[in-house]
Amino acid sequence: MTDPETIARARHKRLSVVRFAGVGLALVGAAIMAGKVDLPRLVGLIVLLLGVFYGMIFPARLVRRWKRQDGREG
């Protein structure tokens, strides 16, 4: 089995990448909605909402899944 510290580091890195990707998507969506990028505003809204999902909701779901895998209910 893998060292718990190694697992924790990998999970932390994965959470950070997911959060930063979400923030990036949200910023791109906001730029589209502001008219800085030549795409329809609906596309900007969709990208913005996906960014919010990836930045806030998806990391919480990952943590919940990892706790379940470790035998701790969350």
N, C-alpha and C. Protein backbone atom coordinates (compact mmCIF):
# COMPACT_ATOMS: atom_id res chain seq x y z
N MET A 1 0.84 -1.19 0.00
CA MET A 1 0.00 0.00 0.00
C MET A 1 0.88 1.25 0.00
N THR A 2 0.33 2.33 -0.46
CA THR A 2 1.08 3.58 -0.58
C THR A 2 1.08 4.33 0.75
N ASP A 3 2.15 5.05 0.99
CA ASP A 3 2.30 5.85 2.19
C ASP A 3 1.16 6.88 2.29
N PRO A 4 0.52 7.03 3.46
CA PRO A 4 -0.58 8.00 3.60
C PRO A 4 -0.17 9.44 3.28
N GLU A 5 1.07 9.79 3.58
CA GLU A 5 1.52 11.15 3.27
C GLU A 5 1.59 11.38 1.76
N THR A 6 2.01 10.36 1.03
CA THR A 6 2.07 10.46 -0.43
C THR A 6 0.67 10.61 -1.01
N ILE A 7 -0.26 9.86 -0.48
CA ILE A 7 -1.65 9.96 -0.93
C ILE A 7 -2.20 11.35 -0.64
N ALA A 8 -1.92 11.86 0.56
CA ALA A 8 -2.42 13.19 0.93
C ALA A 8 -1.83 14.27 0.02
N ARG A 9 -0.55 14.16 -0.30
CA ARG A 9 0.07 15.14 -1.19
C ARG A 9 -0.56 15.10 -2.59
N ALA A 10 -0.78 13.90 -3.09
CA ALA A 10 -1.38 13.76 -4.41
C ALA A 10 -2.80 14.32 -4.43
N ARG A 11 -3.55 14.06 -3.37
CA ARG A 11 -4.92 14.58 -3.31
C ARG A 11 -4.93 16.09 -3.21
N HIS A 12 -4.01 16.64 -2.43
CA HIS A 12 -3.93 18.09 -2.29
C HIS A 12 -3.60 18.73 -3.64
N LYS A 13 -2.66 18.14 -4.35
CA LYS A 13 -2.28 18.65 -5.67
C LYS A 13 -3.47 18.59 -6.63
N ARG A 14 -4.20 17.47 -6.60
CA ARG A 14 -5.36 17.31 -7.48
C ARG A 14 -6.44 18.34 -7.15
N LEU A 15 -6.70 18.57 -5.87
CA LEU A 15 -7.69 19.58 -5.48
C LEU A 15 -7.27 20.97 -5.94
N SER A 16 -6.00 21.29 -5.79
CA SER A 16 -5.51 22.61 -6.21
C SER A 16 -5.66 22.80 -7.71
N VAL A 17 -5.32 21.79 -8.49
CA VAL A 17 -5.44 21.89 -9.94
C VAL A 17 -6.90 22.07 -10.35
N VAL A 18 -7.78 21.31 -9.72
CA VAL A 18 -9.21 21.41 -10.06
C VAL A 18 -9.73 22.80 -9.71
N ARG A 19 -9.35 23.32 -8.55
CA ARG A 19 -9.82 24.65 -8.16
C ARG A 19 -9.29 25.73 -9.10
N PHE A 20 -7.99 25.67 -9.43
CA PHE A 20 -7.43 26.67 -10.34
C PHE A 20 -8.07 26.57 -11.73
N ALA A 21 -8.34 25.38 -12.19
CA ALA A 21 -9.01 25.21 -13.48
C ALA A 21 -10.41 25.83 -13.43
N GLY A 22 -11.09 25.65 -12.32
CA GLY A 22 -12.41 26.25 -12.17
C GLY A 22 -12.37 27.76 -12.19
N VAL A 23 -11.39 28.33 -11.50
CA VAL A 23 -11.24 29.79 -11.50
C VAL A 23 -10.92 30.28 -12.91
N GLY A 24 -10.05 29.56 -13.61
CA GLY A 24 -9.72 29.95 -14.98
C GLY A 24 -10.93 29.90 -15.90
N LEU A 25 -11.71 28.84 -15.78
CA LEU A 25 -12.92 28.74 -16.60
C LEU A 25 -13.90 29.86 -16.27
N ALA A 26 -14.06 30.16 -15.00
CA ALA A 26 -14.97 31.22 -14.60
C ALA A 26 -14.51 32.57 -15.15
N LEU A 27 -13.20 32.83 -15.13
CA LEU A 27 -12.69 34.08 -15.68
C LEU A 27 -12.90 34.17 -17.19
N VAL A 28 -12.70 33.07 -17.88
CA VAL A 28 -12.95 33.07 -19.33
C VAL A 28 -14.43 33.31 -19.60
N GLY A 29 -15.29 32.67 -18.83
CA GLY A 29 -16.73 32.89 -18.98
C GLY A 29 -17.12 34.33 -18.72
N ALA A 30 -16.51 34.93 -17.70
CA ALA A 30 -16.80 36.34 -17.40
C ALA A 30 -16.31 37.25 -18.53
N ALA A 31 -15.16 36.93 -19.10
CA ALA A 31 -14.64 37.73 -20.22
C ALA A 31 -15.57 37.62 -21.43
N ILE A 32 -16.08 36.44 -21.68
CA ILE A 32 -17.02 36.26 -22.80
C ILE A 32 -18.29 37.07 -22.55
N MET A 33 -18.80 37.01 -21.33
CA MET A 33 -20.02 37.75 -21.03
C MET A 33 -19.81 39.26 -21.06
N ALA A 34 -18.59 39.70 -20.77
CA ALA A 34 -18.29 41.14 -20.80
C ALA A 34 -18.03 41.64 -22.22
N GLY A 35 -17.98 40.74 -23.19
CA GLY A 35 -17.78 41.13 -24.57
C GLY A 35 -16.32 41.24 -24.98
N LYS A 36 -15.41 40.79 -24.13
CA LYS A 36 -13.98 40.83 -24.45
C LYS A 36 -13.60 39.75 -25.45
N VAL A 37 -14.39 38.68 -25.50
CA VAL A 37 -14.18 37.59 -26.44
C VAL A 37 -15.41 37.53 -27.33
N ASP A 38 -15.19 37.37 -28.62
CA ASP A 38 -16.29 37.42 -29.58
C ASP A 38 -17.03 36.09 -29.66
N LEU A 39 -17.78 35.81 -28.63
CA LEU A 39 -18.65 34.63 -28.56
C LEU A 39 -19.98 35.06 -27.97
N PRO A 40 -21.03 34.30 -28.21
CA PRO A 40 -22.33 34.66 -27.63
C PRO A 40 -22.29 34.66 -26.11
N ARG A 41 -23.09 35.52 -25.52
CA ARG A 41 -23.14 35.62 -24.05
C ARG A 41 -23.61 34.31 -23.41
N LEU A 42 -24.44 33.56 -24.10
CA LEU A 42 -24.91 32.28 -23.57
C LEU A 42 -23.73 31.33 -23.37
N VAL A 43 -22.81 31.33 -24.32
CA VAL A 43 -21.61 30.50 -24.18
C VAL A 43 -20.82 30.95 -22.95
N GLY A 44 -20.72 32.26 -22.75
CA GLY A 44 -20.02 32.79 -21.58
C GLY A 44 -20.67 32.35 -20.28
N LEU A 45 -21.99 32.37 -20.27
CA LEU A 45 -22.71 31.94 -19.07
C LEU A 45 -22.46 30.47 -18.78
N ILE A 46 -22.50 29.65 -19.81
CA ILE A 46 -22.26 28.22 -19.64
C ILE A 46 -20.84 27.97 -19.12
N VAL A 47 -19.86 28.65 -19.71
CA VAL A 47 -18.46 28.48 -19.28
C VAL A 47 -18.29 28.98 -17.85
N LEU A 48 -18.93 30.08 -17.53
CA LEU A 48 -18.86 30.62 -16.16
C LEU A 48 -19.44 29.64 -15.15
N LEU A 49 -20.59 29.08 -15.47
CA LEU A 49 -21.22 28.11 -14.55
C LEU A 49 -20.40 26.84 -14.41
N LEU A 50 -19.79 26.39 -15.51
CA LEU A 50 -18.89 25.24 -15.43
C LEU A 50 -17.69 25.55 -14.54
N GLY A 51 -17.17 26.76 -14.64
CA GLY A 51 -16.06 27.17 -13.80
C GLY A 51 -16.43 27.18 -12.33
N VAL A 52 -17.62 27.65 -12.02
CA VAL A 52 -18.08 27.64 -10.63
C VAL A 52 -18.23 26.20 -10.14
N PHE A 53 -18.76 25.33 -10.99
CA PHE A 53 -18.89 23.93 -10.61
C PHE A 53 -17.53 23.31 -10.32
N TYR A 54 -16.57 23.52 -11.24
CA TYR A 54 -15.24 22.93 -11.08
C TYR A 54 -14.46 23.57 -9.93
N GLY A 55 -14.75 24.82 -9.63
CA GLY A 55 -14.02 25.50 -8.57
C GLY A 55 -14.57 25.29 -7.19
N MET A 56 -15.86 24.99 -7.07
CA MET A 56 -16.47 24.92 -5.74
C MET A 56 -17.13 23.58 -5.44
N ILE A 57 -17.91 23.07 -6.36
CA ILE A 57 -18.71 21.88 -6.07
C ILE A 57 -17.92 20.60 -6.30
N PHE A 58 -17.19 20.52 -7.39
CA PHE A 58 -16.45 19.31 -7.72
C PHE A 58 -15.39 18.95 -6.67
N PRO A 59 -14.61 19.92 -6.14
CA PRO A 59 -13.65 19.56 -5.09
C PRO A 59 -14.31 18.97 -3.84
N ALA A 60 -15.45 19.50 -3.47
CA ALA A 60 -16.16 18.96 -2.30
C ALA A 60 -16.60 17.52 -2.55
N ARG A 61 -17.03 17.24 -3.77
CA ARG A 61 -17.42 15.87 -4.10
C ARG A 61 -16.22 14.93 -4.10
N LEU A 62 -15.06 15.42 -4.55
CA LEU A 62 -13.85 14.61 -4.51
C LEU A 62 -13.47 14.26 -3.07
N VAL A 63 -13.51 15.24 -2.19
CA VAL A 63 -13.17 15.00 -0.78
C VAL A 63 -14.13 13.99 -0.17
N ARG A 64 -15.41 14.12 -0.47
CA ARG A 64 -16.40 13.18 0.06
C ARG A 64 -16.11 11.76 -0.44
N ARG A 65 -15.75 11.63 -1.71
CA ARG A 65 -15.43 10.30 -2.26
C ARG A 65 -14.19 9.72 -1.61
N TRP A 66 -13.17 10.56 -1.41
CA TRP A 66 -11.94 10.08 -0.79
C TRP A 66 -12.17 9.64 0.65
N LYS A 67 -13.00 10.38 1.38
CA LYS A 67 -13.31 9.97 2.75
C LYS A 67 -14.03 8.63 2.76
N ARG A 68 -14.92 8.43 1.81
CA ARG A 68 -15.63 7.17 1.72
C ARG A 68 -14.67 6.03 1.40
N GLN A 69 -13.72 6.27 0.51
CA GLN A 69 -12.73 5.25 0.16
C GLN A 69 -11.83 4.91 1.36
N ASP A 70 -11.55 5.88 2.19
CA ASP A 70 -10.68 5.67 3.35
C ASP A 70 -11.43 5.03 4.52
N GLY A 71 -12.72 4.85 4.40
CA GLY A 71 -13.50 4.24 5.45
C GLY A 71 -14.06 5.24 6.45
N ARG A 72 -13.91 6.51 6.15
CA ARG A 72 -14.48 7.56 7.00
C ARG A 72 -15.68 8.14 6.28
N GLU A 73 -16.77 8.22 6.95
CA GLU A 73 -17.97 8.80 6.33
C GLU A 73 -17.89 10.32 6.44
N GLY A 74 -18.30 10.99 5.36
CA GLY A 74 -18.22 12.45 5.37
C GLY A 74 -19.41 13.07 4.84
